[in-house]
Amino acid sequence: MTTHARATAAARAAEMSGGTPTGRKPVEPVPRWAVRVAHTIPLCVLPSGLWRVALVLGLAGYDADYDWAVWERPYVIGLSLVSEGLALLALGLVRPWGEVVPRWVPGLRGRRIPIPAAVVPAALGAALIMLLCAYAVLNQIFGFVEPLNENGEGSPTSGPAAWALWATYAPLLAWGPLLAVLTVAYHRRRRANDAAAAARPEAG
């Protein structure tokens, strides 16, 4: 009984550390590079959010006398919070809560998350982000929309404020590709683990 109890405790510890819903060691564990990518994505989004917050507070070095409408400040702050929140969802592609619904979710706790439920939104998000970034870059080159300037009608296009703007928004270009790579890795890992679990004979 003592040996059996120790084996059971070891199995539970392995389940908690590995984050696998079946309690068995996965055939394809989460690779370290994927974990690094997942943590990099929120860091790519953070600088632009901080720049928008600085703009609202009048600390961006540009347009400090701008007459904000009632809705504009909450919109800019909300945009920053929502963007960072969406970026943090990338962690679900490498964490157990991206495969099994956490226990604190009423009615769904412990249920396995279907692969498409995670892959489809992540893939669409990556595609949309890359399209928006491509448009922003092409707009800077070809001028589809009238450029914003320093006379109080928009964002800066020259000087230190413009360099700060471009430096904080440039990391966003990596968001889409990193999310796409992470989504493919998640899909392949989940499919491999599900196939291995289906092929395994059930223990007596």
N, C-alpha and C. Protein backbone atom coordinates (compact mmCIF):
# COMPACT_ATOMS: atom_id res chain seq x y z
N MET A 1 0.82 -1.20 0.00
CA MET A 1 0.00 0.00 0.00
C MET A 1 0.86 1.26 0.00
N THR A 2 1.97 1.16 0.75
CA THR A 2 2.85 2.33 0.81
C THR A 2 3.46 2.64 -0.54
N THR A 3 3.90 1.59 -1.23
CA THR A 3 4.47 1.78 -2.58
C THR A 3 3.44 2.34 -3.53
N HIS A 4 2.21 1.81 -3.45
CA HIS A 4 1.15 2.29 -4.33
C HIS A 4 0.83 3.76 -4.04
N ALA A 5 0.80 4.12 -2.76
CA ALA A 5 0.50 5.50 -2.40
C ALA A 5 1.57 6.45 -2.92
N ARG A 6 2.82 6.03 -2.82
CA ARG A 6 3.91 6.87 -3.33
C ARG A 6 3.80 7.04 -4.84
N ALA A 7 3.48 5.95 -5.54
CA ALA A 7 3.35 6.03 -7.00
C ALA A 7 2.20 6.97 -7.39
N THR A 8 1.10 6.89 -6.64
CA THR A 8 -0.03 7.77 -6.92
C THR A 8 0.33 9.23 -6.69
N ALA A 9 1.02 9.49 -5.59
CA ALA A 9 1.44 10.87 -5.29
C ALA A 9 2.38 11.40 -6.35
N ALA A 10 3.29 10.55 -6.83
CA ALA A 10 4.22 10.97 -7.87
C ALA A 10 3.48 11.28 -9.16
N ALA A 11 2.47 10.48 -9.47
CA ALA A 11 1.70 10.72 -10.69
C ALA A 11 0.94 12.04 -10.61
N ARG A 12 0.37 12.32 -9.43
CA ARG A 12 -0.35 13.58 -9.27
C ARG A 12 0.60 14.77 -9.36
N ALA A 13 1.77 14.64 -8.80
CA ALA A 13 2.75 15.73 -8.89
C ALA A 13 3.17 15.96 -10.32
N ALA A 14 3.34 14.89 -11.07
CA ALA A 14 3.71 15.05 -12.48
C ALA A 14 2.60 15.72 -13.26
N GLU A 15 1.34 15.39 -12.91
CA GLU A 15 0.21 16.01 -13.59
C GLU A 15 0.17 17.51 -13.32
N MET A 16 0.38 17.89 -12.05
CA MET A 16 0.34 19.30 -11.71
C MET A 16 1.47 20.08 -12.35
N SER A 17 2.64 19.50 -12.40
CA SER A 17 3.78 20.20 -12.98
C SER A 17 3.71 20.25 -14.48
N GLY A 18 3.20 19.20 -15.10
CA GLY A 18 3.14 19.17 -16.55
C GLY A 18 1.93 19.86 -17.12
N GLY A 19 0.86 19.99 -16.33
CA GLY A 19 -0.32 20.68 -16.81
C GLY A 19 -1.10 19.87 -17.82
N THR A 20 -1.03 18.56 -17.80
CA THR A 20 -1.74 17.74 -18.77
C THR A 20 -3.06 17.30 -18.19
N PRO A 21 -4.17 17.40 -18.97
CA PRO A 21 -5.47 17.05 -18.45
C PRO A 21 -5.64 15.57 -18.20
N THR A 22 -4.84 14.72 -18.82
CA THR A 22 -5.00 13.28 -18.68
C THR A 22 -4.22 12.72 -17.52
N GLY A 23 -3.26 13.50 -16.98
CA GLY A 23 -2.45 13.01 -15.90
C GLY A 23 -1.25 12.22 -16.38
N ARG A 24 -1.10 12.03 -17.69
CA ARG A 24 0.06 11.33 -18.24
C ARG A 24 1.00 12.34 -18.88
N LYS A 25 2.25 12.00 -18.93
CA LYS A 25 3.23 12.89 -19.54
C LYS A 25 2.92 13.04 -21.03
N PRO A 26 2.80 14.27 -21.54
CA PRO A 26 2.45 14.44 -22.95
C PRO A 26 3.56 13.98 -23.88
N VAL A 27 3.15 13.50 -25.04
CA VAL A 27 4.12 13.11 -26.06
C VAL A 27 4.89 14.34 -26.53
N GLU A 28 4.15 15.45 -26.70
CA GLU A 28 4.75 16.71 -27.14
C GLU A 28 4.55 17.77 -26.06
N PRO A 29 5.48 17.95 -25.14
CA PRO A 29 5.34 19.01 -24.13
C PRO A 29 5.53 20.38 -24.77
N VAL A 30 5.18 21.41 -24.03
CA VAL A 30 5.34 22.77 -24.54
C VAL A 30 6.83 23.09 -24.64
N PRO A 31 7.33 23.40 -25.83
CA PRO A 31 8.76 23.70 -25.95
C PRO A 31 9.10 25.05 -25.32
N ARG A 32 10.34 25.18 -24.89
CA ARG A 32 10.77 26.40 -24.22
C ARG A 32 10.68 27.61 -25.14
N TRP A 33 10.98 27.40 -26.42
CA TRP A 33 10.95 28.54 -27.34
C TRP A 33 9.52 29.09 -27.45
N ALA A 34 8.52 28.20 -27.39
CA ALA A 34 7.13 28.65 -27.48
C ALA A 34 6.76 29.47 -26.25
N VAL A 35 7.24 29.07 -25.08
CA VAL A 35 6.98 29.83 -23.86
C VAL A 35 7.60 31.22 -23.98
N ARG A 36 8.81 31.29 -24.51
CA ARG A 36 9.47 32.60 -24.68
C ARG A 36 8.69 33.48 -25.66
N VAL A 37 8.21 32.88 -26.74
CA VAL A 37 7.43 33.64 -27.72
C VAL A 37 6.15 34.17 -27.09
N ALA A 38 5.47 33.32 -26.32
CA ALA A 38 4.22 33.73 -25.68
C ALA A 38 4.43 34.90 -24.73
N HIS A 39 5.56 34.91 -24.03
CA HIS A 39 5.84 36.02 -23.11
C HIS A 39 6.37 37.25 -23.85
N THR A 40 6.88 37.07 -25.05
CA THR A 40 7.38 38.20 -25.83
C THR A 40 6.24 39.01 -26.41
N ILE A 41 5.15 38.37 -26.77
CA ILE A 41 4.04 39.06 -27.43
C ILE A 41 3.49 40.21 -26.59
N PRO A 42 3.16 40.01 -25.31
CA PRO A 42 2.69 41.17 -24.53
C PRO A 42 3.73 42.29 -24.43
N LEU A 43 5.01 41.92 -24.43
CA LEU A 43 6.06 42.94 -24.37
C LEU A 43 6.12 43.75 -25.65
N CYS A 44 5.74 43.14 -26.78
CA CYS A 44 5.72 43.87 -28.06
C CYS A 44 4.58 44.89 -28.10
N VAL A 45 3.50 44.59 -27.40
CA VAL A 45 2.33 45.46 -27.41
C VAL A 45 2.42 46.56 -26.35
N LEU A 46 3.17 46.31 -25.29
CA LEU A 46 3.23 47.24 -24.17
C LEU A 46 3.73 48.64 -24.52
N PRO A 47 4.80 48.81 -25.31
CA PRO A 47 5.31 50.17 -25.56
C PRO A 47 4.28 51.10 -26.20
N SER A 48 3.52 50.61 -27.17
CA SER A 48 2.52 51.47 -27.81
C SER A 48 1.43 51.87 -26.83
N GLY A 49 1.06 50.94 -25.93
CA GLY A 49 0.06 51.27 -24.93
C GLY A 49 0.57 52.33 -23.97
N LEU A 50 1.82 52.23 -23.57
CA LEU A 50 2.41 53.24 -22.69
C LEU A 50 2.49 54.59 -23.38
N TRP A 51 2.77 54.60 -24.67
CA TRP A 51 2.82 55.87 -25.40
C TRP A 51 1.44 56.52 -25.43
N ARG A 52 0.39 55.75 -25.63
CA ARG A 52 -0.96 56.31 -25.63
C ARG A 52 -1.34 56.86 -24.26
N VAL A 53 -0.94 56.15 -23.21
CA VAL A 53 -1.21 56.64 -21.85
C VAL A 53 -0.46 57.95 -21.63
N ALA A 54 0.80 58.00 -22.07
CA ALA A 54 1.57 59.24 -21.94
C ALA A 54 0.93 60.37 -22.73
N LEU A 55 0.35 60.05 -23.87
CA LEU A 55 -0.32 61.07 -24.68
C LEU A 55 -1.52 61.64 -23.94
N VAL A 56 -2.30 60.76 -23.31
CA VAL A 56 -3.46 61.21 -22.55
C VAL A 56 -3.04 62.10 -21.38
N LEU A 57 -1.92 61.74 -20.74
CA LEU A 57 -1.45 62.49 -19.57
C LEU A 57 -0.64 63.73 -19.95
N GLY A 58 -0.44 63.95 -21.25
CA GLY A 58 0.33 65.10 -21.69
C GLY A 58 1.82 64.95 -21.52
N LEU A 59 2.30 63.68 -21.48
CA LEU A 59 3.72 63.42 -21.25
C LEU A 59 4.43 62.88 -22.49
N ALA A 60 3.75 62.89 -23.64
CA ALA A 60 4.34 62.32 -24.84
C ALA A 60 5.23 63.30 -25.59
N GLY A 61 5.32 64.51 -25.11
CA GLY A 61 6.15 65.50 -25.78
C GLY A 61 5.52 66.04 -27.04
N TYR A 62 4.21 65.94 -27.12
CA TYR A 62 3.51 66.38 -28.34
C TYR A 62 2.07 66.75 -28.00
N ASP A 63 1.63 67.86 -28.53
CA ASP A 63 0.22 68.24 -28.48
C ASP A 63 -0.34 68.28 -27.06
N ALA A 64 0.41 68.86 -26.13
CA ALA A 64 -0.03 68.89 -24.74
C ALA A 64 -1.26 69.76 -24.55
N ASP A 65 -1.51 70.71 -25.48
CA ASP A 65 -2.65 71.63 -25.35
C ASP A 65 -3.87 71.16 -26.11
N TYR A 66 -3.85 69.92 -26.57
CA TYR A 66 -4.98 69.41 -27.35
C TYR A 66 -6.25 69.39 -26.51
N ASP A 67 -7.36 69.83 -27.10
CA ASP A 67 -8.64 69.88 -26.40
C ASP A 67 -9.36 68.54 -26.59
N TRP A 68 -9.24 67.66 -25.61
CA TRP A 68 -9.81 66.32 -25.70
C TRP A 68 -11.34 66.37 -25.57
N ALA A 69 -11.99 65.59 -26.41
CA ALA A 69 -13.42 65.39 -26.25
C ALA A 69 -13.66 64.49 -25.04
N VAL A 70 -14.89 64.45 -24.58
CA VAL A 70 -15.20 63.70 -23.36
C VAL A 70 -14.87 62.23 -23.53
N TRP A 71 -15.14 61.68 -24.71
CA TRP A 71 -14.99 60.25 -24.93
C TRP A 71 -13.58 59.83 -25.32
N GLU A 72 -12.73 60.78 -25.72
CA GLU A 72 -11.45 60.43 -26.32
C GLU A 72 -10.47 59.82 -25.33
N ARG A 73 -10.34 60.41 -24.16
CA ARG A 73 -9.40 59.86 -23.18
C ARG A 73 -9.78 58.44 -22.76
N PRO A 74 -11.05 58.17 -22.39
CA PRO A 74 -11.41 56.78 -22.07
C PRO A 74 -11.19 55.82 -23.24
N TYR A 75 -11.41 56.32 -24.45
CA TYR A 75 -11.20 55.47 -25.63
C TYR A 75 -9.73 55.09 -25.77
N VAL A 76 -8.85 56.06 -25.64
CA VAL A 76 -7.41 55.80 -25.81
C VAL A 76 -6.90 54.87 -24.72
N ILE A 77 -7.32 55.11 -23.47
CA ILE A 77 -6.90 54.23 -22.37
C ILE A 77 -7.49 52.84 -22.57
N GLY A 78 -8.76 52.77 -22.95
CA GLY A 78 -9.40 51.47 -23.19
C GLY A 78 -8.73 50.70 -24.31
N LEU A 79 -8.32 51.41 -25.37
CA LEU A 79 -7.63 50.76 -26.47
C LEU A 79 -6.33 50.12 -25.98
N SER A 80 -5.62 50.81 -25.13
CA SER A 80 -4.37 50.27 -24.60
C SER A 80 -4.62 49.04 -23.74
N LEU A 81 -5.64 49.09 -22.88
CA LEU A 81 -5.95 47.97 -22.01
C LEU A 81 -6.43 46.75 -22.80
N VAL A 82 -7.29 46.99 -23.78
CA VAL A 82 -7.80 45.88 -24.59
C VAL A 82 -6.68 45.24 -25.40
N SER A 83 -5.82 46.05 -25.98
CA SER A 83 -4.71 45.53 -26.78
C SER A 83 -3.79 44.65 -25.93
N GLU A 84 -3.46 45.14 -24.73
CA GLU A 84 -2.58 44.36 -23.87
C GLU A 84 -3.28 43.09 -23.38
N GLY A 85 -4.58 43.18 -23.11
CA GLY A 85 -5.33 42.00 -22.70
C GLY A 85 -5.35 40.94 -23.79
N LEU A 86 -5.55 41.35 -25.04
CA LEU A 86 -5.54 40.40 -26.15
C LEU A 86 -4.16 39.78 -26.31
N ALA A 87 -3.13 40.59 -26.12
CA ALA A 87 -1.77 40.06 -26.23
C ALA A 87 -1.49 39.02 -25.15
N LEU A 88 -2.01 39.25 -23.94
CA LEU A 88 -1.80 38.30 -22.85
C LEU A 88 -2.51 36.96 -23.10
N LEU A 89 -3.54 36.96 -23.93
CA LEU A 89 -4.22 35.71 -24.25
C LEU A 89 -3.30 34.72 -24.96
N ALA A 90 -2.22 35.21 -25.54
CA ALA A 90 -1.26 34.31 -26.19
C ALA A 90 -0.66 33.32 -25.20
N LEU A 91 -0.64 33.68 -23.93
CA LEU A 91 -0.10 32.77 -22.91
C LEU A 91 -0.94 31.50 -22.82
N GLY A 92 -2.21 31.58 -23.19
CA GLY A 92 -3.05 30.39 -23.17
C GLY A 92 -2.61 29.31 -24.14
N LEU A 93 -1.82 29.68 -25.13
CA LEU A 93 -1.32 28.70 -26.09
C LEU A 93 -0.15 27.89 -25.55
N VAL A 94 0.33 28.25 -24.36
CA VAL A 94 1.43 27.49 -23.76
C VAL A 94 1.14 27.10 -22.32
N ARG A 95 -0.03 27.48 -21.82
CA ARG A 95 -0.39 27.21 -20.43
C ARG A 95 -1.53 26.19 -20.36
N PRO A 96 -1.67 25.50 -19.21
CA PRO A 96 -2.75 24.51 -19.08
C PRO A 96 -4.14 25.09 -19.28
N TRP A 97 -4.38 26.37 -18.89
CA TRP A 97 -5.71 26.94 -19.04
C TRP A 97 -6.07 27.18 -20.51
N GLY A 98 -5.12 26.99 -21.41
CA GLY A 98 -5.42 27.04 -22.83
C GLY A 98 -5.84 25.69 -23.39
N GLU A 99 -5.83 24.66 -22.54
CA GLU A 99 -6.24 23.32 -22.95
C GLU A 99 -7.41 22.79 -22.14
N VAL A 100 -7.48 23.18 -20.88
CA VAL A 100 -8.55 22.74 -19.99
C VAL A 100 -9.12 23.96 -19.28
N VAL A 101 -10.45 24.07 -19.23
CA VAL A 101 -11.09 25.20 -18.57
C VAL A 101 -10.72 25.20 -17.09
N PRO A 102 -10.25 26.33 -16.55
CA PRO A 102 -9.85 26.37 -15.13
C PRO A 102 -11.02 26.02 -14.19
N ARG A 103 -10.67 25.60 -13.00
CA ARG A 103 -11.68 25.16 -12.03
C ARG A 103 -12.58 26.28 -11.56
N TRP A 104 -12.10 27.52 -11.61
CA TRP A 104 -12.91 28.63 -11.10
C TRP A 104 -13.99 29.07 -12.07
N VAL A 105 -14.04 28.50 -13.27
CA VAL A 105 -15.08 28.85 -14.24
C VAL A 105 -16.31 28.00 -13.97
N PRO A 106 -17.42 28.58 -13.52
CA PRO A 106 -18.60 27.77 -13.18
C PRO A 106 -19.23 27.15 -14.42
N GLY A 107 -19.65 25.90 -14.28
CA GLY A 107 -20.34 25.20 -15.35
C GLY A 107 -19.44 24.56 -16.38
N LEU A 108 -18.22 25.05 -16.52
CA LEU A 108 -17.31 24.52 -17.55
C LEU A 108 -16.02 23.99 -16.95
N ARG A 109 -15.84 24.11 -15.66
CA ARG A 109 -14.57 23.77 -15.01
C ARG A 109 -14.13 22.35 -15.34
N GLY A 110 -12.84 22.23 -15.69
CA GLY A 110 -12.27 20.92 -15.96
C GLY A 110 -12.53 20.37 -17.34
N ARG A 111 -13.34 21.05 -18.14
CA ARG A 111 -13.64 20.54 -19.48
C ARG A 111 -12.48 20.83 -20.44
N ARG A 112 -12.26 19.90 -21.33
CA ARG A 112 -11.20 20.06 -22.32
C ARG A 112 -11.63 21.07 -23.38
N ILE A 113 -10.74 22.01 -23.69
CA ILE A 113 -11.02 23.02 -24.71
C ILE A 113 -10.76 22.42 -26.08
N PRO A 114 -11.74 22.39 -26.97
CA PRO A 114 -11.52 21.85 -28.33
C PRO A 114 -10.41 22.63 -29.04
N ILE A 115 -9.64 21.93 -29.82
CA ILE A 115 -8.53 22.57 -30.53
C ILE A 115 -8.99 23.74 -31.40
N PRO A 116 -10.06 23.59 -32.20
CA PRO A 116 -10.49 24.74 -33.03
C PRO A 116 -10.90 25.96 -32.22
N ALA A 117 -11.42 25.74 -31.00
CA ALA A 117 -11.86 26.86 -30.18
C ALA A 117 -10.70 27.79 -29.83
N ALA A 118 -9.50 27.28 -29.81
CA ALA A 118 -8.33 28.11 -29.54
C ALA A 118 -7.61 28.50 -30.83
N VAL A 119 -7.52 27.58 -31.77
CA VAL A 119 -6.72 27.81 -32.97
C VAL A 119 -7.39 28.82 -33.91
N VAL A 120 -8.70 28.68 -34.12
CA VAL A 120 -9.38 29.57 -35.08
C VAL A 120 -9.32 31.03 -34.65
N PRO A 121 -9.69 31.39 -33.40
CA PRO A 121 -9.55 32.81 -33.02
C PRO A 121 -8.12 33.31 -33.06
N ALA A 122 -7.17 32.46 -32.65
CA ALA A 122 -5.77 32.89 -32.67
C ALA A 122 -5.28 33.11 -34.10
N ALA A 123 -5.66 32.22 -35.01
CA ALA A 123 -5.23 32.36 -36.41
C ALA A 123 -5.86 33.59 -37.05
N LEU A 124 -7.16 33.80 -36.81
CA LEU A 124 -7.82 34.99 -37.35
C LEU A 124 -7.22 36.26 -36.77
N GLY A 125 -6.92 36.23 -35.48
CA GLY A 125 -6.29 37.39 -34.85
C GLY A 125 -4.94 37.70 -35.43
N ALA A 126 -4.13 36.66 -35.65
CA ALA A 126 -2.80 36.86 -36.24
C ALA A 126 -2.91 37.45 -37.64
N ALA A 127 -3.86 36.93 -38.44
CA ALA A 127 -4.04 37.43 -39.81
C ALA A 127 -4.49 38.89 -39.79
N LEU A 128 -5.44 39.21 -38.91
CA LEU A 128 -5.95 40.59 -38.85
C LEU A 128 -4.85 41.56 -38.39
N ILE A 129 -4.07 41.15 -37.41
CA ILE A 129 -3.00 42.02 -36.92
C ILE A 129 -1.98 42.28 -38.02
N MET A 130 -1.62 41.24 -38.77
CA MET A 130 -0.64 41.41 -39.85
C MET A 130 -1.19 42.30 -40.96
N LEU A 131 -2.48 42.18 -41.25
CA LEU A 131 -3.09 43.04 -42.28
C LEU A 131 -3.09 44.50 -41.84
N LEU A 132 -3.45 44.75 -40.57
CA LEU A 132 -3.46 46.11 -40.06
C LEU A 132 -2.05 46.72 -40.05
N CYS A 133 -1.07 45.92 -39.66
CA CYS A 133 0.31 46.41 -39.64
C CYS A 133 0.82 46.68 -41.05
N ALA A 134 0.46 45.79 -42.00
CA ALA A 134 0.87 45.99 -43.38
C ALA A 134 0.25 47.27 -43.94
N TYR A 135 -1.03 47.49 -43.62
CA TYR A 135 -1.68 48.72 -44.09
C TYR A 135 -1.01 49.95 -43.50
N ALA A 136 -0.67 49.89 -42.20
CA ALA A 136 -0.04 51.04 -41.55
C ALA A 136 1.30 51.37 -42.20
N VAL A 137 2.09 50.34 -42.50
CA VAL A 137 3.39 50.55 -43.13
C VAL A 137 3.23 51.11 -44.54
N LEU A 138 2.32 50.49 -45.31
CA LEU A 138 2.09 50.95 -46.68
C LEU A 138 1.53 52.37 -46.71
N ASN A 139 0.72 52.70 -45.71
CA ASN A 139 0.16 54.05 -45.65
C ASN A 139 1.26 55.08 -45.41
N GLN A 140 2.26 54.69 -44.60
CA GLN A 140 3.39 55.59 -44.38
C GLN A 140 4.19 55.80 -45.66
N ILE A 141 4.25 54.76 -46.49
CA ILE A 141 5.05 54.85 -47.72
C ILE A 141 4.30 55.56 -48.85
N PHE A 142 3.05 55.17 -49.05
CA PHE A 142 2.29 55.67 -50.21
C PHE A 142 1.27 56.76 -49.86
N GLY A 143 1.02 56.97 -48.58
CA GLY A 143 0.13 58.05 -48.19
C GLY A 143 -1.31 57.86 -48.61
N PHE A 144 -1.90 56.72 -48.29
CA PHE A 144 -3.32 56.49 -48.60
C PHE A 144 -4.21 57.50 -47.88
N VAL A 145 -3.82 57.83 -46.65
CA VAL A 145 -4.56 58.79 -45.83
C VAL A 145 -3.66 59.99 -45.58
N GLU A 146 -4.27 61.18 -45.54
CA GLU A 146 -3.50 62.40 -45.30
C GLU A 146 -2.64 62.26 -44.05
N PRO A 147 -1.32 62.49 -44.13
CA PRO A 147 -0.45 62.31 -42.96
C PRO A 147 -0.82 63.25 -41.84
N LEU A 148 -0.69 62.75 -40.63
CA LEU A 148 -0.96 63.57 -39.45
C LEU A 148 0.27 64.41 -39.12
N ASN A 149 0.06 65.57 -38.55
CA ASN A 149 1.17 66.50 -38.39
C ASN A 149 1.18 67.15 -37.01
N GLU A 150 2.08 68.13 -36.84
CA GLU A 150 2.33 68.75 -35.54
C GLU A 150 1.50 69.99 -35.28
N ASN A 151 0.49 70.28 -36.07
CA ASN A 151 -0.28 71.50 -35.88
C ASN A 151 -1.55 71.28 -35.07
N GLY A 152 -1.59 70.20 -34.32
CA GLY A 152 -2.75 69.94 -33.49
C GLY A 152 -3.81 69.12 -34.17
N GLU A 153 -3.55 68.61 -35.38
CA GLU A 153 -4.54 67.85 -36.12
C GLU A 153 -4.26 66.35 -36.11
N GLY A 154 -3.26 65.91 -35.39
CA GLY A 154 -2.99 64.48 -35.38
C GLY A 154 -1.67 64.16 -34.72
N SER A 155 -1.11 63.00 -35.05
CA SER A 155 0.13 62.54 -34.44
C SER A 155 1.33 63.19 -35.12
N PRO A 156 2.47 63.22 -34.44
CA PRO A 156 3.66 63.88 -35.00
C PRO A 156 4.26 63.09 -36.16
N THR A 157 4.85 63.79 -37.10
CA THR A 157 5.52 63.15 -38.24
C THR A 157 7.00 63.47 -38.28
N SER A 158 7.49 64.28 -37.37
CA SER A 158 8.92 64.60 -37.32
C SER A 158 9.28 65.04 -35.92
N GLY A 159 10.59 65.07 -35.66
CA GLY A 159 11.06 65.49 -34.36
C GLY A 159 11.09 64.36 -33.34
N PRO A 160 11.51 64.65 -32.11
CA PRO A 160 11.62 63.62 -31.06
C PRO A 160 10.30 62.90 -30.78
N ALA A 161 9.18 63.63 -30.83
CA ALA A 161 7.89 63.00 -30.56
C ALA A 161 7.57 61.94 -31.62
N ALA A 162 7.92 62.22 -32.87
CA ALA A 162 7.68 61.25 -33.93
C ALA A 162 8.56 60.02 -33.76
N TRP A 163 9.82 60.23 -33.38
CA TRP A 163 10.71 59.09 -33.15
C TRP A 163 10.19 58.23 -32.00
N ALA A 164 9.68 58.86 -30.96
CA ALA A 164 9.11 58.11 -29.85
C ALA A 164 7.89 57.32 -30.29
N LEU A 165 7.06 57.94 -31.13
CA LEU A 165 5.87 57.26 -31.63
C LEU A 165 6.25 56.04 -32.46
N TRP A 166 7.17 56.21 -33.39
CA TRP A 166 7.56 55.09 -34.26
C TRP A 166 8.28 53.99 -33.49
N ALA A 167 9.10 54.39 -32.51
CA ALA A 167 9.84 53.40 -31.74
C ALA A 167 8.91 52.54 -30.89
N THR A 168 7.84 53.14 -30.38
CA THR A 168 6.92 52.37 -29.54
C THR A 168 5.94 51.54 -30.35
N TYR A 169 5.65 51.96 -31.56
CA TYR A 169 4.72 51.19 -32.40
C TYR A 169 5.41 50.15 -33.26
N ALA A 170 6.71 50.29 -33.49
CA ALA A 170 7.43 49.33 -34.33
C ALA A 170 7.36 47.90 -33.81
N PRO A 171 7.45 47.64 -32.48
CA PRO A 171 7.35 46.26 -32.00
C PRO A 171 6.04 45.57 -32.34
N LEU A 172 4.99 46.34 -32.63
CA LEU A 172 3.72 45.73 -33.00
C LEU A 172 3.82 44.90 -34.28
N LEU A 173 4.82 45.21 -35.11
CA LEU A 173 5.00 44.46 -36.35
C LEU A 173 5.30 42.99 -36.09
N ALA A 174 5.86 42.69 -34.92
CA ALA A 174 6.19 41.31 -34.59
C ALA A 174 5.02 40.55 -34.00
N TRP A 175 3.98 41.24 -33.57
CA TRP A 175 2.85 40.60 -32.89
C TRP A 175 2.19 39.53 -33.75
N GLY A 176 1.80 39.90 -34.96
CA GLY A 176 1.11 38.96 -35.84
C GLY A 176 1.93 37.72 -36.18
N PRO A 177 3.16 37.89 -36.70
CA PRO A 177 3.97 36.70 -37.02
C PRO A 177 4.25 35.81 -35.82
N LEU A 178 4.54 36.40 -34.66
CA LEU A 178 4.80 35.59 -33.47
C LEU A 178 3.55 34.81 -33.06
N LEU A 179 2.40 35.44 -33.13
CA LEU A 179 1.16 34.76 -32.78
C LEU A 179 0.85 33.64 -33.77
N ALA A 180 1.15 33.86 -35.05
CA ALA A 180 0.92 32.83 -36.06
C ALA A 180 1.80 31.61 -35.79
N VAL A 181 3.07 31.83 -35.52
CA VAL A 181 3.99 30.73 -35.23
C VAL A 181 3.54 29.97 -33.98
N LEU A 182 3.13 30.71 -32.97
CA LEU A 182 2.68 30.10 -31.71
C LEU A 182 1.40 29.28 -31.92
N THR A 183 0.52 29.77 -32.78
CA THR A 183 -0.73 29.06 -33.06
C THR A 183 -0.46 27.74 -33.77
N VAL A 184 0.44 27.75 -34.74
CA VAL A 184 0.79 26.52 -35.45
C VAL A 184 1.41 25.50 -34.49
N ALA A 185 2.29 25.97 -33.61
CA ALA A 185 2.92 25.07 -32.64
C ALA A 185 1.89 24.48 -31.69
N TYR A 186 0.93 25.29 -31.25
CA TYR A 186 -0.14 24.81 -30.36
C TYR A 186 -0.97 23.74 -31.07
N HIS A 187 -1.35 24.00 -32.30
CA HIS A 187 -2.17 23.05 -33.06
C HIS A 187 -1.45 21.72 -33.24
N ARG A 188 -0.20 21.77 -33.62
CA ARG A 188 0.56 20.53 -33.84
C ARG A 188 0.74 19.77 -32.54
N ARG A 189 1.01 20.49 -31.44
CA ARG A 189 1.22 19.81 -30.16
C ARG A 189 -0.06 19.15 -29.67
N ARG A 190 -1.18 19.86 -29.76
CA ARG A 190 -2.45 19.30 -29.30
C ARG A 190 -2.85 18.09 -30.15
N ARG A 191 -2.66 18.19 -31.44
CA ARG A 191 -3.02 17.06 -32.32
C ARG A 191 -2.16 15.84 -32.02
N ALA A 192 -0.86 16.06 -31.80
CA ALA A 192 0.04 14.95 -31.51
C ALA A 192 -0.32 14.30 -30.18
N ASN A 193 -0.61 15.10 -29.16
CA ASN A 193 -0.95 14.55 -27.86
C ASN A 193 -2.29 13.84 -27.87
N ASP A 194 -3.26 14.37 -28.61
CA ASP A 194 -4.56 13.70 -28.71
C ASP A 194 -4.45 12.38 -29.45
N ALA A 195 -3.64 12.36 -30.51
CA ALA A 195 -3.47 11.12 -31.26
C ALA A 195 -2.77 10.07 -30.41
N ALA A 196 -1.77 10.50 -29.64
CA ALA A 196 -1.05 9.56 -28.77
C ALA A 196 -1.97 9.04 -27.68
N ALA A 197 -2.82 9.92 -27.12
CA ALA A 197 -3.74 9.48 -26.07
C ALA A 197 -4.77 8.50 -26.62
N ALA A 198 -5.23 8.70 -27.84
CA ALA A 198 -6.21 7.79 -28.44
C ALA A 198 -5.60 6.44 -28.75
N ALA A 199 -4.31 6.42 -29.07
CA ALA A 199 -3.65 5.16 -29.42
C ALA A 199 -3.23 4.36 -28.20
N ARG A 200 -3.16 5.02 -27.02
CA ARG A 200 -2.74 4.36 -25.81
C ARG A 200 -3.83 3.44 -25.28
N PRO A 201 -3.52 2.22 -24.93
CA PRO A 201 -4.53 1.36 -24.29
C PRO A 201 -4.83 1.87 -22.89
N GLU A 202 -6.08 1.80 -22.50
CA GLU A 202 -6.49 2.25 -21.18
C GLU A 202 -5.93 1.32 -20.10
N ALA A 203 -5.49 1.94 -19.01
CA ALA A 203 -4.93 1.13 -17.92
C ALA A 203 -6.07 0.40 -17.20
N GLY A 204 -5.78 -0.77 -16.69
CA GLY A 204 -6.79 -1.56 -16.01
C GLY A 204 -7.10 -0.97 -14.65
